[in-house]
Every structure is written in structure tokens, then in C-alpha cells.
Amino acid sequence: MAGKGGRIFFLDELRALALIGMIIYHAAYDLYAIFGLDFDFYSPGWDTLQMAVCCTFIVIAGISARLTKSALKHGFVVFGCGMLMTLGTYFFMRSQTIWFGVLHFLGISMMIYYLFRKSVKKAPALLGAVISLSAFLCLYGLPSRSIMFGNIAVPSELYFSKYLAVIGLPGPGFRSADYFPLLPWFFLFLFGCFIGKWFKERKIPDFMMNKHSDFL
């Protein structure tokens, strides 16, 4: 196992790969939705790329929240960037307005973690990681009105207000070009926070400490 101290280059490289994937995905989306290029954008391949990129960013954000002492400040900054995206899309591309996208979600998640960081740190990391990941998977379909892998329908009466979209219950009239509600996604972020304990203590394989690509 790696010793304590030193930068964890694995996180930098993984974040960079996710960034490249995000650029490719959004470039394809722009070509399809804005410039009208005719190709099958809504296909399993593009959906898989989007999910891989989003999950990677969110888990790394959770790990990083555990590593930093400035999670609250980072949360405000990231949420502020999300609000800039909202203003930009609202005024210049209203049909693609982002009301609660990944930056809004990450910013609020960092703030929530900061408020409850002591409880997270006291909880058993392995148990917390398993419960968090399980909760994410079970609640994944909540915004689409089902849970437990689509086997249980959520009462439609719960989706009565568009303002509940923040927590994962989007009501009538809500639409966001990028949408990452707190449920289920906060549980994936929390999964990153729990496994971040091992990164913070450097109880990780040696290869994660080593630099493999200057470019990344």
C-alpha cells in the first residue's frame, strides 16, 4: 500500500479523462440539437458515455470533498458557476435553460457534506459506502416516478410542484436541459465521500499515487 502524503495523480488523470468524455459528449449534443446534424444521438452508446462521465465526476467530487478542508467554499463557487449557466442559457438559449444541472447539484452537495462532515467521518466507511451506493441504485428512477429498478411506482401525487425538482420530484411544467436532483445523485456523491477515507489515509494501491500521463 502507498504511504501517506503526496498528490494522488490517479484522481487528476481520471478527472481529465472524464473531462475529455464530457467535451466529446457535449460537442455531439451541440451538433445534433443546435446545428441540426442528422445522426442517432439518443442511442445506447451516447447514453453510456454520458452516464460514465457524470458518475465519474460525482464520485471524484465526493472523494475530493473528503480530502479538502474547504468543501463549503468550493460548494459556493461551484453552485455560483451553476447559476451562471442558468443565466447564460436562459438569456441566450432559452429552450435549453439549465435550472438544476450538475454544477448546482455538486455545489449543494458539497455544502451538505460540510454541514454533516463530522457524522460522515465517524461512520464506518465500508458500511457507509455500501449503503450509499445501494440507495443510489434503488432510487435511481425517482425523477421518472419509479424506484427499486423500476419495480415500484412512486405515487404521482408527490410530483405536485416544479419546485420539488431539486430533491428529485419534478412536478408539472418543470424542464431543465441538464438535470441532476439531490435524489438519487447525492447518494453517489456520498459514496465518494465514504471511500474518500481510504484516499485521505492513502490506503490505496501504489499505482494511484503515480503519474502516468503528463497530458492528463
C-alpha atoms as a PDB file:
ATOM      1  CA  MET A   1       0.000   0.000   0.000  1.00  0.00           C
ATOM      2  CA  ALA A   2       1.091   3.554  -0.636  1.00  0.00           C
ATOM      3  CA  GLY A   3       2.464   5.641   2.157  1.00  0.00           C
ATOM      4  CA  LYS A   4       0.878   8.816   3.437  1.00  0.00           C
ATOM      5  CA  GLY A   5       1.476  12.159   1.783  1.00  0.00           C
ATOM      6  CA  GLY A   6       1.859  13.248  -1.825  1.00  0.00           C
ATOM      7  CA  ARG A   7      -0.608  14.029  -4.568  1.00  0.00           C
ATOM      8  CA  ILE A   8      -2.960  11.321  -5.779  1.00  0.00           C
ATOM      9  CA  PHE A   9      -2.376  11.556  -9.512  1.00  0.00           C
ATOM     10  CA  PHE A  10      -4.967   8.880 -10.246  1.00  0.00           C
ATOM     11  CA  LEU A  11      -7.746  11.322  -9.342  1.00  0.00           C
ATOM     12  CA  ASP A  12      -6.275  14.007 -11.613  1.00  0.00           C
ATOM     13  CA  GLU A  13      -5.976  11.607 -14.530  1.00  0.00           C
ATOM     14  CA  LEU A  14      -9.428  10.111 -14.037  1.00  0.00           C
ATOM     15  CA  ARG A  15     -10.959  13.593 -13.796  1.00  0.00           C
ATOM     16  CA  ALA A  16      -9.177  14.589 -17.010  1.00  0.00           C
ATOM     17  CA  LEU A  17     -10.498  11.531 -18.845  1.00  0.00           C
ATOM     18  CA  ALA A  18     -13.998  12.389 -17.666  1.00  0.00           C
ATOM     19  CA  LEU A  19     -13.485  15.958 -18.875  1.00  0.00           C
ATOM     20  CA  ILE A  20     -12.464  14.723 -22.325  1.00  0.00           C
ATOM     21  CA  GLY A  21     -15.530  12.485 -22.402  1.00  0.00           C
ATOM     22  CA  MET A  22     -17.733  15.419 -21.399  1.00  0.00           C
ATOM     23  CA  ILE A  23     -16.298  17.593 -24.183  1.00  0.00           C
ATOM     24  CA  ILE A  24     -16.948  14.858 -26.749  1.00  0.00           C
ATOM     25  CA  TYR A  25     -20.494  14.263 -25.495  1.00  0.00           C
ATOM     26  CA  HIS A  26     -21.471  17.923 -25.410  1.00  0.00           C
ATOM     27  CA  ALA A  27     -19.874  18.591 -28.800  1.00  0.00           C
ATOM     28  CA  ALA A  28     -22.026  15.806 -30.246  1.00  0.00           C
ATOM     29  CA  TYR A  29     -25.103  17.192 -28.474  1.00  0.00           C
ATOM     30  CA  ASP A  30     -24.482  20.683 -29.855  1.00  0.00           C
ATOM     31  CA  LEU A  31     -24.036  19.324 -33.369  1.00  0.00           C
ATOM     32  CA  TYR A  32     -27.331  17.449 -33.039  1.00  0.00           C
ATOM     33  CA  ALA A  33     -29.539  19.885 -31.072  1.00  0.00           C
ATOM     34  CA  ILE A  34     -28.205  23.263 -32.177  1.00  0.00           C
ATOM     35  CA  PHE A  35     -26.657  22.761 -35.600  1.00  0.00           C
ATOM     36  CA  GLY A  36     -29.095  20.089 -36.771  1.00  0.00           C
ATOM     37  CA  LEU A  37     -26.604  17.409 -37.806  1.00  0.00           C
ATOM     38  CA  ASP A  38     -28.552  14.242 -38.573  1.00  0.00           C
ATOM     39  CA  PHE A  39     -27.255  11.257 -36.584  1.00  0.00           C
ATOM     40  CA  ASP A  40     -28.563   8.942 -33.876  1.00  0.00           C
ATOM     41  CA  PHE A  41     -27.593  10.936 -30.795  1.00  0.00           C
ATOM     42  CA  TYR A  42     -30.114   9.276 -28.475  1.00  0.00           C
ATOM     43  CA  SER A  43     -28.515   5.861 -28.716  1.00  0.00           C
ATOM     44  CA  PRO A  44     -27.207   3.487 -26.026  1.00  0.00           C
ATOM     45  CA  GLY A  45     -23.600   4.399 -26.819  1.00  0.00           C
ATOM     46  CA  TRP A  46     -24.023   8.117 -26.153  1.00  0.00           C
ATOM     47  CA  ASP A  47     -26.170   7.400 -23.095  1.00  0.00           C
ATOM     48  CA  THR A  48     -23.442   5.147 -21.701  1.00  0.00           C
ATOM     49  CA  LEU A  49     -20.790   7.814 -22.272  1.00  0.00           C
ATOM     50  CA  GLN A  50     -22.939  10.420 -20.526  1.00  0.00           C
ATOM     51  CA  MET A  51     -23.568   8.154 -17.529  1.00  0.00           C
ATOM     52  CA  ALA A  52     -19.894   7.184 -17.227  1.00  0.00           C
ATOM     53  CA  VAL A  53     -18.771  10.821 -17.316  1.00  0.00           C
ATOM     54  CA  CYS A  54     -21.390  12.010 -14.822  1.00  0.00           C
ATOM     55  CA  CYS A  55     -20.795   9.200 -12.339  1.00  0.00           C
ATOM     56  CA  THR A  56     -17.038   9.693 -12.525  1.00  0.00           C
ATOM     57  CA  PHE A  57     -17.279  13.426 -11.848  1.00  0.00           C
ATOM     58  CA  ILE A  58     -19.699  12.960  -8.955  1.00  0.00           C
ATOM     59  CA  VAL A  59     -17.717  10.210  -7.223  1.00  0.00           C
ATOM     60  CA  ILE A  60     -14.456  12.166  -7.593  1.00  0.00           C
ATOM     61  CA  ALA A  61     -16.208  15.257  -6.222  1.00  0.00           C
ATOM     62  CA  GLY A  62     -17.244  13.237  -3.181  1.00  0.00           C
ATOM     63  CA  ILE A  63     -13.714  11.933  -2.669  1.00  0.00           C
ATOM     64  CA  SER A  64     -12.299  15.432  -3.061  1.00  0.00           C
ATOM     65  CA  ALA A  65     -14.766  16.828  -0.511  1.00  0.00           C
ATOM     66  CA  ARG A  66     -13.313  14.345   1.984  1.00  0.00           C
ATOM     67  CA  LEU A  67      -9.765  15.411   1.117  1.00  0.00           C
ATOM     68  CA  THR A  68     -10.221  19.187   1.348  1.00  0.00           C
ATOM     69  CA  LYS A  69     -10.794  21.499   4.291  1.00  0.00           C
ATOM     70  CA  SER A  70     -12.625  23.964   2.045  1.00  0.00           C
ATOM     71  CA  ALA A  71     -15.677  21.970   0.967  1.00  0.00           C
ATOM     72  CA  LEU A  72     -18.035  24.805   1.926  1.00  0.00           C
ATOM     73  CA  LYS A  73     -16.123  27.409  -0.078  1.00  0.00           C
ATOM     74  CA  HIS A  74     -15.815  25.073  -3.034  1.00  0.00           C
ATOM     75  CA  GLY A  75     -19.538  24.381  -2.800  1.00  0.00           C
ATOM     76  CA  PHE A  76     -20.413  28.069  -3.066  1.00  0.00           C
ATOM     77  CA  VAL A  77     -18.049  28.519  -6.021  1.00  0.00           C
ATOM     78  CA  VAL A  78     -19.406  25.519  -7.937  1.00  0.00           C
ATOM     79  CA  PHE A  79     -23.021  26.478  -7.214  1.00  0.00           C
ATOM     80  CA  GLY A  80     -22.231  30.002  -8.399  1.00  0.00           C
ATOM     81  CA  CYS A  81     -20.922  28.563 -11.666  1.00  0.00           C
ATOM     82  CA  GLY A  82     -24.171  26.627 -11.969  1.00  0.00           C
ATOM     83  CA  MET A  83     -26.167  29.837 -11.574  1.00  0.00           C
ATOM     84  CA  LEU A  84     -24.074  31.452 -14.301  1.00  0.00           C
ATOM     85  CA  MET A  85     -25.035  28.528 -16.539  1.00  0.00           C
ATOM     86  CA  THR A  86     -28.686  29.144 -15.664  1.00  0.00           C
ATOM     87  CA  LEU A  87     -28.446  32.835 -16.557  1.00  0.00           C
ATOM     88  CA  GLY A  88     -26.479  32.169 -19.734  1.00  0.00           C
ATOM     89  CA  THR A  89     -28.855  29.517 -21.056  1.00  0.00           C
ATOM     90  CA  TYR A  90     -31.954  31.472 -20.010  1.00  0.00           C
ATOM     91  CA  PHE A  91     -30.962  34.654 -21.846  1.00  0.00           C
ATOM     92  CA  PHE A  92     -29.161  33.197 -24.854  1.00  0.00           C
ATOM     93  CA  MET A  93     -30.637  29.714 -25.383  1.00  0.00           C
ATOM     94  CA  ARG A  94     -33.926  29.692 -23.510  1.00  0.00           C
ATOM     95  CA  SER A  95     -35.130  26.375 -24.916  1.00  0.00           C
ATOM     96  CA  GLN A  96     -32.031  24.792 -23.349  1.00  0.00           C
ATOM     97  CA  THR A  97     -32.251  26.519 -19.952  1.00  0.00           C
ATOM     98  CA  ILE A  98     -30.482  24.657 -17.141  1.00  0.00           C
ATOM     99  CA  TRP A  99     -32.408  25.111 -13.899  1.00  0.00           C
ATOM    100  CA  PHE A 100     -30.747  22.477 -11.740  1.00  0.00           C
ATOM    101  CA  GLY A 101     -27.848  20.834 -13.506  1.00  0.00           C
ATOM    102  CA  VAL A 102     -24.762  19.004 -12.352  1.00  0.00           C
ATOM    103  CA  LEU A 103     -22.990  22.160 -11.138  1.00  0.00           C
ATOM    104  CA  HIS A 104     -25.960  23.207  -8.995  1.00  0.00           C
ATOM    105  CA  PHE A 105     -26.123  19.683  -7.613  1.00  0.00           C
ATOM    106  CA  LEU A 106     -22.405  19.409  -6.870  1.00  0.00           C
ATOM    107  CA  GLY A 107     -22.320  22.798  -5.177  1.00  0.00           C
ATOM    108  CA  ILE A 108     -25.212  21.994  -2.841  1.00  0.00           C
ATOM    109  CA  SER A 109     -23.848  18.505  -2.172  1.00  0.00           C
ATOM    110  CA  MET A 110     -20.514  19.956  -1.052  1.00  0.00           C
ATOM    111  CA  MET A 111     -22.331  22.323   1.292  1.00  0.00           C
ATOM    112  CA  ILE A 112     -24.442  19.500   2.753  1.00  0.00           C
ATOM    113  CA  TYR A 113     -21.351  17.360   3.255  1.00  0.00           C
ATOM    114  CA  TYR A 114     -19.607  20.221   5.043  1.00  0.00           C
ATOM    115  CA  LEU A 115     -22.521  20.574   7.469  1.00  0.00           C
ATOM    116  CA  PHE A 116     -22.558  16.854   8.285  1.00  0.00           C
ATOM    117  CA  ARG A 117     -18.881  16.053   7.723  1.00  0.00           C
ATOM    118  CA  LYS A 118     -18.278  15.008  11.359  1.00  0.00           C
ATOM    119  CA  SER A 119     -21.023  12.394  11.190  1.00  0.00           C
ATOM    120  CA  VAL A 120     -19.725  11.062   7.878  1.00  0.00           C
ATOM    121  CA  LYS A 121     -16.198  10.791   9.257  1.00  0.00           C
ATOM    122  CA  LYS A 122     -17.416   8.905  12.346  1.00  0.00           C
ATOM    123  CA  ALA A 123     -19.456   6.388  10.351  1.00  0.00           C
ATOM    124  CA  PRO A 124     -17.815   3.097   9.215  1.00  0.00           C
ATOM    125  CA  ALA A 125     -16.526   3.842   5.712  1.00  0.00           C
ATOM    126  CA  LEU A 126     -17.258   0.447   4.170  1.00  0.00           C
ATOM    127  CA  LEU A 127     -20.784   0.244   5.562  1.00  0.00           C
ATOM    128  CA  GLY A 128     -21.491   3.835   4.562  1.00  0.00           C
ATOM    129  CA  ALA A 129     -20.204   3.233   1.039  1.00  0.00           C
ATOM    130  CA  VAL A 130     -22.328   0.104   0.588  1.00  0.00           C
ATOM    131  CA  ILE A 131     -25.490   1.753   1.923  1.00  0.00           C
ATOM    132  CA  SER A 132     -24.954   4.909  -0.138  1.00  0.00           C
ATOM    133  CA  LEU A 133     -24.340   3.051  -3.388  1.00  0.00           C
ATOM    134  CA  SER A 134     -27.323   0.768  -2.744  1.00  0.00           C
ATOM    135  CA  ALA A 135     -29.561   3.769  -2.042  1.00  0.00           C
ATOM    136  CA  PHE A 136     -28.420   5.439  -5.262  1.00  0.00           C
ATOM    137  CA  LEU A 137     -29.214   2.363  -7.335  1.00  0.00           C
ATOM    138  CA  CYS A 138     -32.584   1.792  -5.663  1.00  0.00           C
ATOM    139  CA  LEU A 139     -33.687   5.430  -6.020  1.00  0.00           C
ATOM    140  CA  TYR A 140     -32.216   5.997  -9.477  1.00  0.00           C
ATOM    141  CA  GLY A 141     -35.607   6.144 -11.208  1.00  0.00           C
ATOM    142  CA  LEU A 142     -37.215   8.515  -8.678  1.00  0.00           C
ATOM    143  CA  PRO A 143     -37.355  11.543 -11.026  1.00  0.00           C
ATOM    144  CA  SER A 144     -39.100   9.259 -13.540  1.00  0.00           C
ATOM    145  CA  ARG A 145     -41.594   8.131 -10.868  1.00  0.00           C
ATOM    146  CA  SER A 146     -40.281   4.692 -10.045  1.00  0.00           C
ATOM    147  CA  ILE A 147     -37.783   3.139  -7.636  1.00  0.00           C
ATOM    148  CA  MET A 148     -36.215  -0.257  -6.958  1.00  0.00           C
ATOM    149  CA  PHE A 149     -35.076  -0.699 -10.557  1.00  0.00           C
ATOM    150  CA  GLY A 150     -38.484   0.262 -11.926  1.00  0.00           C
ATOM    151  CA  ASN A 151     -40.356  -2.341  -9.891  1.00  0.00           C
ATOM    152  CA  ILE A 152     -42.133   0.116  -7.581  1.00  0.00           C
ATOM    153  CA  ALA A 153     -44.132   3.067  -8.880  1.00  0.00           C
ATOM    154  CA  VAL A 154     -43.939   6.284  -6.876  1.00  0.00           C
ATOM    155  CA  PRO A 155     -47.334   7.939  -6.245  1.00  0.00           C
ATOM    156  CA  SER A 156     -47.875  10.705  -8.773  1.00  0.00           C
ATOM    157  CA  GLU A 157     -49.323  12.893  -6.012  1.00  0.00           C
ATOM    158  CA  LEU A 158     -45.777  13.525  -4.795  1.00  0.00           C
ATOM    159  CA  TYR A 159     -44.890  15.293  -8.040  1.00  0.00           C
ATOM    160  CA  PHE A 160     -47.164  18.273  -7.494  1.00  0.00           C
ATOM    161  CA  SER A 161     -44.716  21.180  -7.713  1.00  0.00           C
ATOM    162  CA  LYS A 162     -41.919  22.079 -10.087  1.00  0.00           C
ATOM    163  CA  TYR A 163     -40.004  23.432  -7.098  1.00  0.00           C
ATOM    164  CA  LEU A 164     -39.643  19.901  -5.738  1.00  0.00           C
ATOM    165  CA  ALA A 165     -37.471  19.101  -8.756  1.00  0.00           C
ATOM    166  CA  VAL A 166     -34.426  19.973  -6.642  1.00  0.00           C
ATOM    167  CA  ILE A 167     -34.971  16.921  -4.442  1.00  0.00           C
ATOM    168  CA  GLY A 168     -35.977  14.615  -7.309  1.00  0.00           C
ATOM    169  CA  LEU A 169     -39.740  15.070  -7.583  1.00  0.00           C
ATOM    170  CA  PRO A 170     -40.172  17.223 -10.715  1.00  0.00           C
ATOM    171  CA  GLY A 171     -43.736  18.466 -10.968  1.00  0.00           C
ATOM    172  CA  PRO A 172     -45.764  19.663 -13.964  1.00  0.00           C
ATOM    173  CA  GLY A 173     -44.061  22.279 -16.083  1.00  0.00           C
ATOM    174  CA  PHE A 174     -40.517  21.575 -14.956  1.00  0.00           C
ATOM    175  CA  ARG A 175     -37.911  21.194 -17.673  1.00  0.00           C
ATOM    176  CA  SER A 176     -34.141  21.504 -17.426  1.00  0.00           C
ATOM    177  CA  ALA A 177     -31.663  20.811 -20.230  1.00  0.00           C
ATOM    178  CA  ASP A 178     -29.309  19.382 -17.602  1.00  0.00           C
ATOM    179  CA  TYR A 179     -30.938  17.814 -14.546  1.00  0.00           C
ATOM    180  CA  PHE A 180     -29.269  16.245 -11.513  1.00  0.00           C
ATOM    181  CA  PRO A 181     -31.588  16.270  -8.480  1.00  0.00           C
ATOM    182  CA  LEU A 182     -30.342  15.564  -4.961  1.00  0.00           C
ATOM    183  CA  LEU A 183     -32.156  12.231  -5.018  1.00  0.00           C
ATOM    184  CA  PRO A 184     -30.765   9.892  -6.121  1.00  0.00           C
ATOM    185  CA  TRP A 185     -27.486  11.596  -7.034  1.00  0.00           C
ATOM    186  CA  PHE A 186     -26.494  12.786  -3.552  1.00  0.00           C
ATOM    187  CA  PHE A 187     -26.086   9.156  -2.518  1.00  0.00           C
ATOM    188  CA  LEU A 188     -23.499   8.658  -5.264  1.00  0.00           C
ATOM    189  CA  PHE A 189     -21.684  11.782  -4.048  1.00  0.00           C
ATOM    190  CA  LEU A 190     -21.879  10.400  -0.502  1.00  0.00           C
ATOM    191  CA  PHE A 191     -20.421   7.112  -1.752  1.00  0.00           C
ATOM    192  CA  GLY A 192     -17.409   9.125  -2.914  1.00  0.00           C
ATOM    193  CA  CYS A 193     -17.196  10.818   0.493  1.00  0.00           C
ATOM    194  CA  PHE A 194     -17.068   7.474   2.271  1.00  0.00           C
ATOM    195  CA  ILE A 195     -14.444   5.868   0.047  1.00  0.00           C
ATOM    196  CA  GLY A 196     -12.549   9.163   0.288  1.00  0.00           C
ATOM    197  CA  LYS A 197     -11.467   7.996   3.744  1.00  0.00           C
ATOM    198  CA  TRP A 198      -9.096   5.495   2.145  1.00  0.00           C
ATOM    199  CA  PHE A 199      -7.776   8.111  -0.257  1.00  0.00           C
ATOM    200  CA  LYS A 200      -7.210  10.560   2.585  1.00  0.00           C
ATOM    201  CA  GLU A 201      -5.322   7.942   4.593  1.00  0.00           C
ATOM    202  CA  ARG A 202      -3.509   6.808   1.423  1.00  0.00           C
ATOM    203  CA  LYS A 203      -4.751   3.256   1.938  1.00  0.00           C
ATOM    204  CA  ILE A 204      -4.907   2.820  -1.807  1.00  0.00           C
ATOM    205  CA  PRO A 205      -2.845   0.877  -4.376  1.00  0.00           C
ATOM    206  CA  ASP A 206       0.537   2.380  -5.240  1.00  0.00           C
ATOM    207  CA  PHE A 207      -0.380   2.923  -8.898  1.00  0.00           C
ATOM    208  CA  MET A 208      -2.928   5.556  -7.830  1.00  0.00           C
ATOM    209  CA  MET A 209      -0.136   7.671  -6.383  1.00  0.00           C
ATOM    210  CA  ASN A 210       1.971   7.559  -9.537  1.00  0.00           C
ATOM    211  CA  LYS A 211       1.750   9.871 -12.557  1.00  0.00           C
ATOM    212  CA  HIS A 212       1.045   8.025 -15.812  1.00  0.00           C
ATOM    213  CA  SER A 213       0.410  10.902 -18.211  1.00  0.00           C
ATOM    214  CA  ASP A 214       1.679  14.475 -18.178  1.00  0.00           C
ATOM    215  CA  PHE A 215      -1.051  15.396 -20.654  1.00  0.00           C
ATOM    216  CA  LEU A 216      -3.831  14.198 -18.364  1.00  0.00           C
END
